[in-house]
N, C-alpha and C. Protein backbone atom coordinates (compact mmCIF):
# COMPACT_ATOMS: atom_id res chain seq x y z
N MET A 1 0.69 -12.60 -3.32
CA MET A 1 -0.29 -12.98 -4.61
C MET A 1 -1.30 -12.27 -4.11
N VAL A 2 -1.51 -11.74 -4.36
CA VAL A 2 -2.50 -10.85 -5.17
C VAL A 2 -4.05 -11.73 -5.17
N SER A 3 -4.93 -11.24 -4.99
CA SER A 3 -6.68 -11.88 -6.21
C SER A 3 -7.48 -11.39 -5.88
N PRO A 4 -8.22 -10.59 -7.59
CA PRO A 4 -9.37 -10.01 -7.31
C PRO A 4 -10.30 -9.55 -6.40
N SER A 5 -11.53 -9.01 -5.66
CA SER A 5 -12.21 -9.56 -4.86
C SER A 5 -13.52 -9.02 -5.84
N THR A 6 -14.69 -9.08 -4.75
CA THR A 6 -15.40 -9.03 -5.88
C THR A 6 -15.61 -7.85 -6.50
N ASP A 7 -15.56 -6.34 -5.98
CA ASP A 7 -15.79 -5.39 -6.35
C ASP A 7 -14.82 -4.50 -7.26
N GLY A 8 -14.26 -5.70 -7.89
CA GLY A 8 -13.28 -5.17 -8.73
C GLY A 8 -12.41 -4.76 -8.54
N GLY A 9 -12.21 -4.46 -7.30
CA GLY A 9 -10.75 -4.56 -6.42
C GLY A 9 -10.30 -5.53 -6.20
N VAL A 10 -8.48 -5.39 -5.54
CA VAL A 10 -7.71 -5.90 -5.25
C VAL A 10 -7.48 -6.55 -3.71
N VAL A 11 -7.44 -7.81 -3.66
CA VAL A 11 -7.42 -8.08 -2.09
C VAL A 11 -5.92 -9.12 -2.04
N GLU A 12 -5.40 -8.33 -0.83
CA GLU A 12 -4.06 -9.39 -0.60
C GLU A 12 -3.91 -10.59 -0.20
N ALA A 13 -3.72 -11.69 -0.67
CA ALA A 13 -4.13 -12.67 -0.36
C ALA A 13 -3.36 -13.47 1.15
N GLY A 14 -3.94 -13.91 1.82
CA GLY A 14 -4.39 -13.83 3.11
C GLY A 14 -4.74 -13.54 4.67
N PHE A 15 -6.06 -12.15 3.16
CA PHE A 15 -6.11 -10.74 4.32
C PHE A 15 -7.13 -10.91 4.08
N GLU A 16 -7.85 -11.83 3.43
CA GLU A 16 -9.79 -12.05 3.53
C GLU A 16 -10.80 -11.38 4.47
N ALA A 17 -11.57 -11.25 4.25
CA ALA A 17 -12.08 -10.34 5.67
C ALA A 17 -12.71 -11.60 6.15
N ASN A 18 -12.68 -12.62 5.85
CA ASN A 18 -12.84 -13.94 6.61
C ASN A 18 -11.56 -13.98 7.99
N ALA A 19 -10.91 -13.64 7.97
CA ALA A 19 -9.82 -13.29 8.70
C ALA A 19 -10.68 -12.76 10.23
N LEU A 20 -11.19 -12.09 9.90
CA LEU A 20 -11.23 -11.19 11.43
C LEU A 20 -11.86 -12.02 12.41
N GLY A 21 -11.81 -11.29 13.46
CA GLY A 21 -12.43 -11.88 14.69
C GLY A 21 -14.15 -11.69 14.51
N PRO A 22 -14.77 -12.48 15.63
CA PRO A 22 -16.33 -12.02 15.69
C PRO A 22 -16.75 -10.85 16.15
N GLY A 23 -17.35 -9.81 15.46
CA GLY A 23 -17.87 -8.64 15.90
C GLY A 23 -16.69 -7.69 15.28
N GLU A 24 -15.82 -8.22 14.29
CA GLU A 24 -14.46 -7.05 15.11
C GLU A 24 -15.09 -6.51 13.42
N SER A 25 -14.93 -4.78 13.22
CA SER A 25 -14.52 -4.22 11.71
C SER A 25 -13.93 -4.09 10.98
N GLN A 26 -13.68 -3.79 10.30
CA GLN A 26 -12.97 -3.42 9.27
C GLN A 26 -13.26 -2.43 7.85
N VAL A 27 -12.14 -1.46 7.60
CA VAL A 27 -12.36 0.04 6.91
C VAL A 27 -11.80 -0.43 5.20
N VAL A 28 -11.69 -0.37 3.89
CA VAL A 28 -10.68 -0.21 3.33
C VAL A 28 -10.09 1.54 2.81
N SER A 29 -8.98 1.39 3.38
CA SER A 29 -8.71 2.78 2.53
C SER A 29 -7.73 2.48 1.37
N ARG A 30 -8.11 3.61 0.46
CA ARG A 30 -7.83 3.58 -0.85
C ARG A 30 -6.72 4.50 -1.41
N LEU A 31 -5.11 5.25 -1.44
CA LEU A 31 -5.30 6.01 -1.60
C LEU A 31 -4.61 6.00 -3.70
N GLU A 32 -5.23 7.08 -4.21
CA GLU A 32 -4.91 6.50 -5.64
C GLU A 32 -3.71 7.15 -6.20
N ASN A 33 -3.48 6.52 -7.42
CA ASN A 33 -2.15 7.89 -8.88
C ASN A 33 -1.32 8.37 -8.15
N PHE A 34 -1.17 7.14 -7.45
CA PHE A 34 0.84 7.50 -7.18
C PHE A 34 1.76 7.20 -8.49
N LEU A 35 2.54 8.34 -8.36
CA LEU A 35 3.47 8.52 -9.70
C LEU A 35 5.38 8.71 -8.89
N ILE A 36 6.40 7.48 -8.89
CA ILE A 36 6.92 7.92 -7.58
C ILE A 36 7.70 7.52 -9.34
N PRO A 37 9.46 8.10 -9.53
CA PRO A 37 10.24 8.04 -9.98
C PRO A 37 11.32 7.04 -9.54
N THR A 38 12.55 6.76 -10.16
CA THR A 38 12.89 5.73 -9.92
C THR A 38 13.94 5.51 -10.46
N ALA A 39 15.08 4.96 -10.02
CA ALA A 39 16.04 5.24 -11.43
C ALA A 39 15.68 3.57 -12.11
N GLN A 40 16.52 3.30 -13.83
CA GLN A 40 16.46 2.07 -14.48
C GLN A 40 17.02 1.93 -15.14
N GLY A 41 18.75 1.51 -14.62
CA GLY A 41 19.30 1.44 -14.92
C GLY A 41 20.78 2.43 -15.11
N SER A 42 20.68 3.05 -16.42
CA SER A 42 21.35 4.40 -16.59
C SER A 42 19.81 5.99 -17.11
N ASP A 43 19.06 5.17 -17.21
CA ASP A 43 17.58 5.50 -17.82
C ASP A 43 16.85 5.72 -16.38
N TYR A 44 15.48 6.45 -16.62
CA TYR A 44 14.68 7.01 -15.43
C TYR A 44 12.85 6.53 -15.36
N ALA A 45 12.43 5.97 -15.42
CA ALA A 45 11.52 5.06 -14.92
C ALA A 45 10.82 5.51 -13.89
N PHE A 46 9.34 5.39 -14.02
CA PHE A 46 8.27 5.75 -13.20
C PHE A 46 8.11 4.36 -12.54
N VAL A 47 6.68 4.47 -11.59
CA VAL A 47 6.65 3.80 -10.53
C VAL A 47 4.36 3.57 -10.78
N SER A 48 3.53 3.21 -11.25
CA SER A 48 2.31 3.50 -11.04
C SER A 48 1.86 2.84 -10.45
N MET A 49 0.80 3.13 -9.20
CA MET A 49 -0.04 2.39 -8.31
C MET A 49 -0.74 2.44 -7.41
N HIS A 50 -1.88 2.25 -7.26
CA HIS A 50 -2.47 2.94 -6.08
C HIS A 50 -2.87 1.51 -4.97
N VAL A 51 -2.65 2.88 -4.25
CA VAL A 51 -2.81 2.13 -2.43
C VAL A 51 -3.77 1.42 -1.93
N VAL A 52 -3.80 0.21 -1.63
CA VAL A 52 -5.10 -0.18 -0.97
C VAL A 52 -4.91 -0.16 0.29
N ILE A 53 -5.61 -0.51 1.72
CA ILE A 53 -4.89 -1.03 2.62
C ILE A 53 -6.17 -1.22 3.48
N THR A 54 -6.52 -2.59 3.91
CA THR A 54 -7.37 -2.90 4.73
C THR A 54 -7.09 -2.63 6.72
N ILE A 55 -7.68 -1.85 7.16
CA ILE A 55 -8.13 -1.48 8.69
C ILE A 55 -8.84 -2.12 9.46
N ARG A 56 -8.55 -3.33 10.47
CA ARG A 56 -9.05 -3.73 10.98
C ARG A 56 -8.96 -2.92 12.25
N GLY A 57 -11.11 -3.49 13.32
CA GLY A 57 -10.67 -3.14 14.13
C GLY A 57 -11.71 -1.21 14.62
N VAL A 58 -11.76 -0.99 13.38
CA VAL A 58 -12.24 0.64 13.65
C VAL A 58 -13.97 0.03 13.10
N LYS A 59 -14.53 1.45 13.14
CA LYS A 59 -15.14 1.79 12.19
C LYS A 59 -15.53 2.48 11.12
N SER A 60 -15.00 3.62 11.40
CA SER A 60 -14.63 4.53 11.05
C SER A 60 -12.84 4.73 10.35
N ASP A 61 -12.32 5.50 8.95
CA ASP A 61 -11.34 5.34 8.66
C ASP A 61 -9.99 6.50 8.95
N PRO A 62 -9.30 5.47 10.08
CA PRO A 62 -8.83 6.93 10.40
C PRO A 62 -7.52 7.74 9.65
N ILE A 63 -7.89 7.18 8.46
CA ILE A 63 -6.48 8.09 7.29
C ILE A 63 -7.19 9.11 6.32
N LYS A 64 -9.11 9.12 6.14
CA LYS A 64 -9.82 9.62 5.81
C LYS A 64 -9.92 11.05 6.27
N GLY A 65 -9.45 12.31 5.31
CA GLY A 65 -9.30 13.31 6.23
C GLY A 65 -7.64 13.67 5.94
N TYR A 66 -6.93 12.89 6.24
CA TYR A 66 -5.36 13.01 6.65
C TYR A 66 -4.21 12.01 4.56
N GLU A 67 -5.10 12.04 3.72
CA GLU A 67 -4.69 11.42 2.94
C GLU A 67 -3.60 12.14 3.01
N SER A 68 -3.48 13.31 2.49
CA SER A 68 -1.90 14.56 1.67
C SER A 68 -0.40 13.51 2.95
N PHE A 69 -1.39 13.38 4.15
CA PHE A 69 0.09 13.62 4.75
C PHE A 69 0.25 11.78 5.03
N TYR A 70 -0.72 10.60 4.43
CA TYR A 70 -0.36 9.35 3.89
C TYR A 70 0.56 9.54 3.04
N ARG A 71 -0.62 9.77 1.79
CA ARG A 71 0.22 9.68 0.99
C ARG A 71 1.51 10.59 0.64
N LYS A 72 1.84 11.60 1.57
CA LYS A 72 3.73 12.30 1.71
C LYS A 72 4.66 11.20 2.24
N ARG A 73 3.95 10.65 3.67
CA ARG A 73 4.82 9.73 4.08
C ARG A 73 4.94 8.72 3.20
N ILE A 74 4.17 7.67 2.13
CA ILE A 74 4.37 6.50 1.34
C ILE A 74 5.35 6.37 0.36
N TYR A 75 5.17 7.81 -0.43
CA TYR A 75 5.88 8.64 -1.05
C TYR A 75 7.08 8.99 -0.81
N ASP A 76 7.33 9.51 0.02
CA ASP A 76 8.79 9.76 0.70
C ASP A 76 9.31 8.48 0.76
N ASP A 77 8.71 7.61 1.74
CA ASP A 77 9.21 6.40 2.16
C ASP A 77 9.69 5.44 0.57
N MET A 78 8.85 5.11 -0.52
CA MET A 78 8.82 4.63 -1.35
C MET A 78 10.21 5.14 -2.09
N LYS A 79 10.19 5.89 -2.46
CA LYS A 79 11.07 7.19 -3.04
C LYS A 79 12.25 7.09 -2.89
N ALA A 80 12.77 7.10 -1.42
CA ALA A 80 14.22 6.28 -0.84
C ALA A 80 14.71 5.26 -1.83
N LYS A 81 13.79 4.40 -0.78
CA LYS A 81 14.13 2.70 -1.09
C LYS A 81 14.35 2.00 -2.49
N PHE A 82 13.41 3.08 -3.50
CA PHE A 82 13.84 3.36 -5.50
C PHE A 82 15.53 3.83 -5.39
N GLY A 83 16.00 4.90 -4.30
CA GLY A 83 17.07 5.48 -4.49
C GLY A 83 18.07 4.33 -4.01
N THR A 84 17.51 3.25 -3.50
CA THR A 84 19.01 2.17 -2.90
C THR A 84 19.17 1.08 -3.75
N LEU A 85 17.72 0.70 -4.68
CA LEU A 85 17.85 -0.45 -5.61
C LEU A 85 19.23 0.23 -6.44
N SER A 86 19.40 0.61 -7.01
CA SER A 86 20.75 0.87 -8.17
C SER A 86 19.79 1.08 -9.05
N SER A 87 19.83 0.20 -10.39
CA SER A 87 19.48 -0.77 -11.16
C SER A 87 18.48 -1.94 -10.75
N GLU A 88 18.27 -2.28 -9.96
CA GLU A 88 16.89 -2.71 -9.82
C GLU A 88 15.70 -2.94 -10.24
N THR A 89 14.95 -3.30 -10.40
CA THR A 89 13.66 -3.29 -10.73
C THR A 89 12.94 -3.42 -9.95
N PRO A 90 12.13 -2.54 -9.76
CA PRO A 90 11.50 -2.48 -7.46
C PRO A 90 10.62 -3.86 -7.76
N VAL A 91 10.38 -4.43 -6.62
CA VAL A 91 9.62 -5.39 -6.70
C VAL A 91 8.62 -5.83 -6.01
N LYS A 92 7.66 -6.12 -5.97
CA LYS A 92 6.20 -4.91 -5.84
C LYS A 92 5.56 -5.69 -3.57
N LYS A 93 6.04 -7.21 -3.71
CA LYS A 93 6.31 -7.93 -2.21
C LYS A 93 6.99 -6.45 -1.25
N GLU A 94 8.65 -5.80 -2.21
CA GLU A 94 8.58 -5.80 -0.97
C GLU A 94 8.16 -3.80 -0.55
N LEU A 95 7.22 -3.74 -1.66
CA LEU A 95 7.12 -1.82 -1.37
C LEU A 95 5.48 -2.76 -0.68
N ARG A 96 4.94 -3.46 -1.42
CA ARG A 96 3.96 -4.09 0.01
C ARG A 96 4.24 -3.61 1.31
N ASP A 97 5.26 -4.29 1.78
CA ASP A 97 5.88 -4.39 2.89
C ASP A 97 6.17 -2.82 3.11
N LEU A 98 6.59 -2.58 2.60
CA LEU A 98 6.90 -0.82 3.10
C LEU A 98 5.82 0.27 3.63
N VAL A 99 5.26 -0.15 2.59
CA VAL A 99 3.57 0.44 3.01
C VAL A 99 2.62 0.15 4.36
N ARG A 100 2.81 -1.09 4.36
CA ARG A 100 2.54 -1.82 5.37
C ARG A 100 3.42 -1.12 6.70
N LYS A 101 4.92 -1.35 6.47
CA LYS A 101 5.24 -0.76 7.60
C LYS A 101 5.40 0.91 7.73
N THR A 102 5.20 1.60 7.00
CA THR A 102 4.96 3.23 6.88
C THR A 102 3.56 3.59 7.53
N VAL A 103 2.39 3.07 6.60
CA VAL A 103 1.31 3.34 7.57
C VAL A 103 1.57 2.30 8.82
N GLY A 104 1.62 1.33 9.01
CA GLY A 104 1.06 0.81 10.78
C GLY A 104 2.30 1.50 11.28
N ALA A 105 3.81 2.71 11.49
CA ALA A 105 3.64 2.97 12.24
C ALA A 105 3.14 4.77 12.89
N LEU A 106 2.57 4.54 11.84
CA LEU A 106 1.45 5.92 12.12
C LEU A 106 0.17 5.47 12.19
N LEU A 107 -0.12 3.92 12.75
CA LEU A 107 -1.39 3.70 13.13
C LEU A 107 -1.69 2.75 14.52
N ALA A 108 -2.34 2.91 15.37
CA ALA A 108 -2.19 2.10 16.41
C ALA A 108 -1.81 0.77 15.74
N GLU A 109 -1.14 -0.68 16.99
CA GLU A 109 -0.17 -1.40 16.11
C GLU A 109 -1.02 -2.90 16.36
N GLY A 110 -0.98 -3.11 14.84
CA GLY A 110 -1.76 -4.35 14.28
C GLY A 110 -2.80 -4.36 14.02
N VAL A 111 -3.79 -2.58 13.56
CA VAL A 111 -4.72 -2.53 12.96
C VAL A 111 -4.14 -3.00 11.42
N ILE A 112 -3.37 -2.90 10.78
CA ILE A 112 -3.73 -3.66 9.47
C ILE A 112 -3.61 -4.77 8.96
N GLN A 113 -4.73 -5.06 8.67
CA GLN A 113 -5.37 -6.27 8.22
C GLN A 113 -4.18 -6.41 6.66
N GLY A 114 -3.97 -5.42 5.92
CA GLY A 114 -3.30 -5.89 4.72
C GLY A 114 -3.16 -4.92 3.93
N VAL A 115 -2.63 -4.88 2.68
CA VAL A 115 -1.94 -4.52 1.88
C VAL A 115 -1.91 -4.41 0.41
N ALA A 116 -2.99 -3.89 -0.78
CA ALA A 116 -2.21 -4.29 -1.98
C ALA A 116 -2.60 -2.90 -2.78
N LEU A 117 -1.22 -3.45 -3.59
CA LEU A 117 -0.53 -2.33 -4.62
C LEU A 117 -1.50 -2.77 -5.98
N GLU A 118 -2.22 -1.63 -6.53
CA GLU A 118 -3.34 -1.67 -7.36
C GLU A 118 -3.19 -1.46 -8.76
N ASN A 119 -2.83 -1.73 -10.04
CA ASN A 119 -2.40 -1.28 -11.03
C ASN A 119 -1.19 -1.02 -11.32
N TYR A 120 -0.30 -1.84 -9.72
CA TYR A 120 1.41 -1.62 -10.75
C TYR A 120 1.93 -1.74 -11.72
N ARG A 121 2.55 -0.82 -12.64
CA ARG A 121 3.01 -1.14 -13.29
C ARG A 121 4.42 0.31 -13.24
N LEU A 122 5.45 -1.01 -13.96
CA LEU A 122 6.64 0.44 -14.76
C LEU A 122 6.99 1.00 -15.33
N MET A 123 7.20 1.83 -15.93
CA MET A 123 6.71 2.51 -17.21
C MET A 123 8.38 2.96 -17.41
């Protein structure tokens, strides 16, 4: 479940800032404007979204400066996932879990606090 945050963004339920330990810091990294082709029955469609990743235990964004690398990995993994769905509609929770797994494999274990897909649309 996703709920609006006070700054107009989206926060994944259960991953609010109060889940941090005492003195633990966090950063929010935004990768915007994903447009990924997917099959929709016998037609083609696109999934559009922004990916927001909350990373705990860091003082600076480890993704900053490497956005194109992370975008490419997320895009490739999502496109591969869509290829296995055949005629099913992509499920937002599955995609969120896929982003968590993809980025989690690239960062230190356990630092991903939350992943949200903003403005998720099937077009």
